[in-house]
Amino acid sequence: QIELIQNWILQGANNTTNCSGTTAFVCDTTSFTYNKDVRVILDKECVSCHNISVSNSGIRLDTYDEVKKVGATGALVGVIDWLQGWRTMPQGRGQLPDCERTVIRKWVEAGMPNN
């Protein structure tokens, strides 16, 4: 609970409740599809800085093909798990919750299917 509140504050403490057309992401490490899980996490946490308009460090995470390229290099897991030798992401914020990192890691380990 503390980590959730801390991450919310670090993300700007935005009021995102009752937003029309949005649903809350419920993290479940037994589900790690690209479209229902990984993409949702990346859209929430990464795409604002890594997209076609703003590709920090030349990294884009706004399409499946781009995410797969980054995943194949080891960078996706390296930066979110804060592994030695990789830049820590999200930049200037706390580490992603364990559940979200596990979902992404399992998806990469499963071969990064477009599902």
C-alpha atoms as a PDB file:
ATOM      1  CA  GLN A   1       0.000   0.000   0.000  1.00  0.00           C
ATOM      2  CA  ILE A   2       2.806   2.400   0.885  1.00  0.00           C
ATOM      3  CA  GLU A   3       4.553   1.690  -2.437  1.00  0.00           C
ATOM      4  CA  LEU A   4       1.319   2.369  -4.352  1.00  0.00           C
ATOM      5  CA  ILE A   5       0.854   5.718  -2.638  1.00  0.00           C
ATOM      6  CA  GLN A   6       4.522   6.621  -3.097  1.00  0.00           C
ATOM      7  CA  ASN A   7       4.363   5.827  -6.823  1.00  0.00           C
ATOM      8  CA  TRP A   8       1.144   7.827  -7.165  1.00  0.00           C
ATOM      9  CA  ILE A   9       2.823  10.844  -5.541  1.00  0.00           C
ATOM     10  CA  LEU A  10       5.953  10.451  -7.698  1.00  0.00           C
ATOM     11  CA  GLN A  11       3.731  10.361 -10.787  1.00  0.00           C
ATOM     12  CA  GLY A  12       2.203  13.730  -9.898  1.00  0.00           C
ATOM     13  CA  ALA A  13      -0.633  12.686  -7.568  1.00  0.00           C
ATOM     14  CA  ASN A  14      -3.124  12.969 -10.422  1.00  0.00           C
ATOM     15  CA  ASN A  15      -6.810  12.408  -9.740  1.00  0.00           C
ATOM     16  CA  THR A  16      -7.469   9.519 -12.085  1.00  0.00           C
ATOM     17  CA  THR A  17     -10.577   8.130 -10.426  1.00  0.00           C
ATOM     18  CA  ASN A  18     -13.854   8.009 -12.292  1.00  0.00           C
ATOM     19  CA  CYS A  19     -12.199   8.951 -15.576  1.00  0.00           C
ATOM     20  CA  SER A  20     -14.503   8.319 -18.470  1.00  0.00           C
ATOM     21  CA  GLY A  21     -13.557   5.267 -20.465  1.00  0.00           C
ATOM     22  CA  THR A  22     -10.637   4.165 -18.298  1.00  0.00           C
ATOM     23  CA  THR A  23     -10.337   1.144 -16.104  1.00  0.00           C
ATOM     24  CA  ALA A  24      -7.851   0.532 -13.365  1.00  0.00           C
ATOM     25  CA  PHE A  25      -5.014  -1.842 -14.133  1.00  0.00           C
ATOM     26  CA  VAL A  26      -4.974  -4.775 -11.761  1.00  0.00           C
ATOM     27  CA  CYS A  27      -1.571  -6.405 -11.755  1.00  0.00           C
ATOM     28  CA  ASP A  28      -1.573 -10.201 -11.909  1.00  0.00           C
ATOM     29  CA  THR A  29       1.696 -12.058 -12.437  1.00  0.00           C
ATOM     30  CA  THR A  30      -0.135 -15.083 -13.852  1.00  0.00           C
ATOM     31  CA  SER A  31      -1.226 -12.957 -16.821  1.00  0.00           C
ATOM     32  CA  PHE A  32       1.450 -11.500 -19.053  1.00  0.00           C
ATOM     33  CA  THR A  33       0.015 -10.855 -22.471  1.00  0.00           C
ATOM     34  CA  TYR A  34       1.281  -7.910 -24.454  1.00  0.00           C
ATOM     35  CA  ASN A  35      -2.046  -6.195 -25.133  1.00  0.00           C
ATOM     36  CA  LYS A  36      -3.808  -6.699 -21.806  1.00  0.00           C
ATOM     37  CA  ASP A  37      -0.831  -6.393 -19.468  1.00  0.00           C
ATOM     38  CA  VAL A  38       2.559  -5.264 -20.786  1.00  0.00           C
ATOM     39  CA  ARG A  39       1.230  -2.545 -23.086  1.00  0.00           C
ATOM     40  CA  VAL A  40      -0.964  -1.174 -20.281  1.00  0.00           C
ATOM     41  CA  ILE A  41       2.026  -0.928 -17.931  1.00  0.00           C
ATOM     42  CA  LEU A  42       4.233   0.678 -20.581  1.00  0.00           C
ATOM     43  CA  ASP A  43       1.492   3.133 -21.588  1.00  0.00           C
ATOM     44  CA  LYS A  44       1.073   4.127 -17.948  1.00  0.00           C
ATOM     45  CA  GLU A  45       4.742   4.310 -17.020  1.00  0.00           C
ATOM     46  CA  CYS A  46       6.948   4.744 -20.085  1.00  0.00           C
ATOM     47  CA  VAL A  47       5.301   5.901 -23.292  1.00  0.00           C
ATOM     48  CA  SER A  48       5.037   9.560 -22.300  1.00  0.00           C
ATOM     49  CA  CYS A  49       8.853   9.761 -22.629  1.00  0.00           C
ATOM     50  CA  HIS A  50       9.462   6.966 -25.140  1.00  0.00           C
ATOM     51  CA  ASN A  51       7.258   7.476 -28.193  1.00  0.00           C
ATOM     52  CA  ILE A  52       7.512   8.558 -31.826  1.00  0.00           C
ATOM     53  CA  SER A  53       7.574  12.249 -30.836  1.00  0.00           C
ATOM     54  CA  VAL A  54       9.863  11.921 -27.815  1.00  0.00           C
ATOM     55  CA  SER A  55      12.220   8.983 -28.142  1.00  0.00           C
ATOM     56  CA  ASN A  56      14.578   9.505 -25.218  1.00  0.00           C
ATOM     57  CA  SER A  57      17.889   7.783 -25.880  1.00  0.00           C
ATOM     58  CA  GLY A  58      16.417   6.619 -29.188  1.00  0.00           C
ATOM     59  CA  ILE A  59      14.122   4.233 -27.330  1.00  0.00           C
ATOM     60  CA  ARG A  60      10.476   3.954 -28.313  1.00  0.00           C
ATOM     61  CA  LEU A  61       7.930   1.922 -26.414  1.00  0.00           C
ATOM     62  CA  ASP A  62       4.763   2.987 -28.209  1.00  0.00           C
ATOM     63  CA  THR A  63       4.306   0.016 -30.551  1.00  0.00           C
ATOM     64  CA  TYR A  64       4.677  -3.730 -30.217  1.00  0.00           C
ATOM     65  CA  ASP A  65       7.534  -3.862 -32.742  1.00  0.00           C
ATOM     66  CA  GLU A  66       9.496  -1.177 -30.900  1.00  0.00           C
ATOM     67  CA  VAL A  67       8.933  -2.820 -27.508  1.00  0.00           C
ATOM     68  CA  LYS A  68      10.029  -6.184 -28.891  1.00  0.00           C
ATOM     69  CA  LYS A  69      13.254  -4.638 -30.239  1.00  0.00           C
ATOM     70  CA  VAL A  70      14.079  -3.178 -26.824  1.00  0.00           C
ATOM     71  CA  GLY A  71      13.107  -6.402 -25.074  1.00  0.00           C
ATOM     72  CA  ALA A  72      15.358  -8.459 -27.336  1.00  0.00           C
ATOM     73  CA  THR A  73      18.424  -6.424 -26.325  1.00  0.00           C
ATOM     74  CA  GLY A  74      17.850  -7.043 -22.626  1.00  0.00           C
ATOM     75  CA  ALA A  75      17.364  -3.326 -22.050  1.00  0.00           C
ATOM     76  CA  LEU A  76      13.695  -3.504 -21.105  1.00  0.00           C
ATOM     77  CA  VAL A  77      14.291  -5.828 -18.163  1.00  0.00           C
ATOM     78  CA  GLY A  78      17.659  -4.254 -17.352  1.00  0.00           C
ATOM     79  CA  VAL A  79      16.297  -0.762 -16.852  1.00  0.00           C
ATOM     80  CA  ILE A  80      13.124  -1.675 -14.964  1.00  0.00           C
ATOM     81  CA  ASP A  81      14.928  -4.138 -12.653  1.00  0.00           C
ATOM     82  CA  TRP A  82      17.701  -1.592 -12.104  1.00  0.00           C
ATOM     83  CA  LEU A  83      20.358  -4.127 -13.036  1.00  0.00           C
ATOM     84  CA  GLN A  84      23.974  -3.049 -12.837  1.00  0.00           C
ATOM     85  CA  GLY A  85      25.133  -1.462 -16.068  1.00  0.00           C
ATOM     86  CA  TRP A  86      21.663  -0.262 -17.074  1.00  0.00           C
ATOM     87  CA  ARG A  87      20.159   3.162 -16.541  1.00  0.00           C
ATOM     88  CA  THR A  88      17.365   3.110 -13.956  1.00  0.00           C
ATOM     89  CA  MET A  89      13.841   3.685 -15.202  1.00  0.00           C
ATOM     90  CA  PRO A  90      11.453   5.325 -14.815  1.00  0.00           C
ATOM     91  CA  GLN A  91      13.919   8.189 -14.617  1.00  0.00           C
ATOM     92  CA  GLY A  92      13.689  10.352 -11.504  1.00  0.00           C
ATOM     93  CA  ARG A  93      11.058   8.127  -9.906  1.00  0.00           C
ATOM     94  CA  GLY A  94      10.912   5.030  -7.785  1.00  0.00           C
ATOM     95  CA  GLN A  95      11.187   1.589  -9.260  1.00  0.00           C
ATOM     96  CA  LEU A  96       8.086   0.065 -10.821  1.00  0.00           C
ATOM     97  CA  PRO A  97       6.119  -2.172  -8.456  1.00  0.00           C
ATOM     98  CA  ASP A  98       7.395  -5.755  -8.215  1.00  0.00           C
ATOM     99  CA  CYS A  99       4.241  -7.131  -9.796  1.00  0.00           C
ATOM    100  CA  GLU A 100       4.548  -4.926 -12.898  1.00  0.00           C
ATOM    101  CA  ARG A 101       8.232  -5.760 -13.305  1.00  0.00           C
ATOM    102  CA  THR A 102       7.428  -9.469 -12.967  1.00  0.00           C
ATOM    103  CA  VAL A 103       4.726  -9.256 -15.649  1.00  0.00           C
ATOM    104  CA  ILE A 104       7.147  -7.599 -18.077  1.00  0.00           C
ATOM    105  CA  ARG A 105       9.950 -10.019 -17.227  1.00  0.00           C
ATOM    106  CA  LYS A 106       7.686 -13.070 -17.737  1.00  0.00           C
ATOM    107  CA  TRP A 107       6.489 -11.694 -21.076  1.00  0.00           C
ATOM    108  CA  VAL A 108      10.091 -11.241 -22.246  1.00  0.00           C
ATOM    109  CA  GLU A 109      11.041 -14.727 -21.025  1.00  0.00           C
ATOM    110  CA  ALA A 110       8.042 -16.153 -22.942  1.00  0.00           C
ATOM    111  CA  GLY A 111       9.509 -14.814 -26.175  1.00  0.00           C
ATOM    112  CA  MET A 112       7.597 -11.489 -26.305  1.00  0.00           C
ATOM    113  CA  PRO A 113       4.499 -12.769 -28.112  1.00  0.00           C
ATOM    114  CA  ASN A 114       2.152 -10.258 -29.727  1.00  0.00           C
ATOM    115  CA  ASN A 115      -0.873 -11.466 -27.827  1.00  0.00           C
END
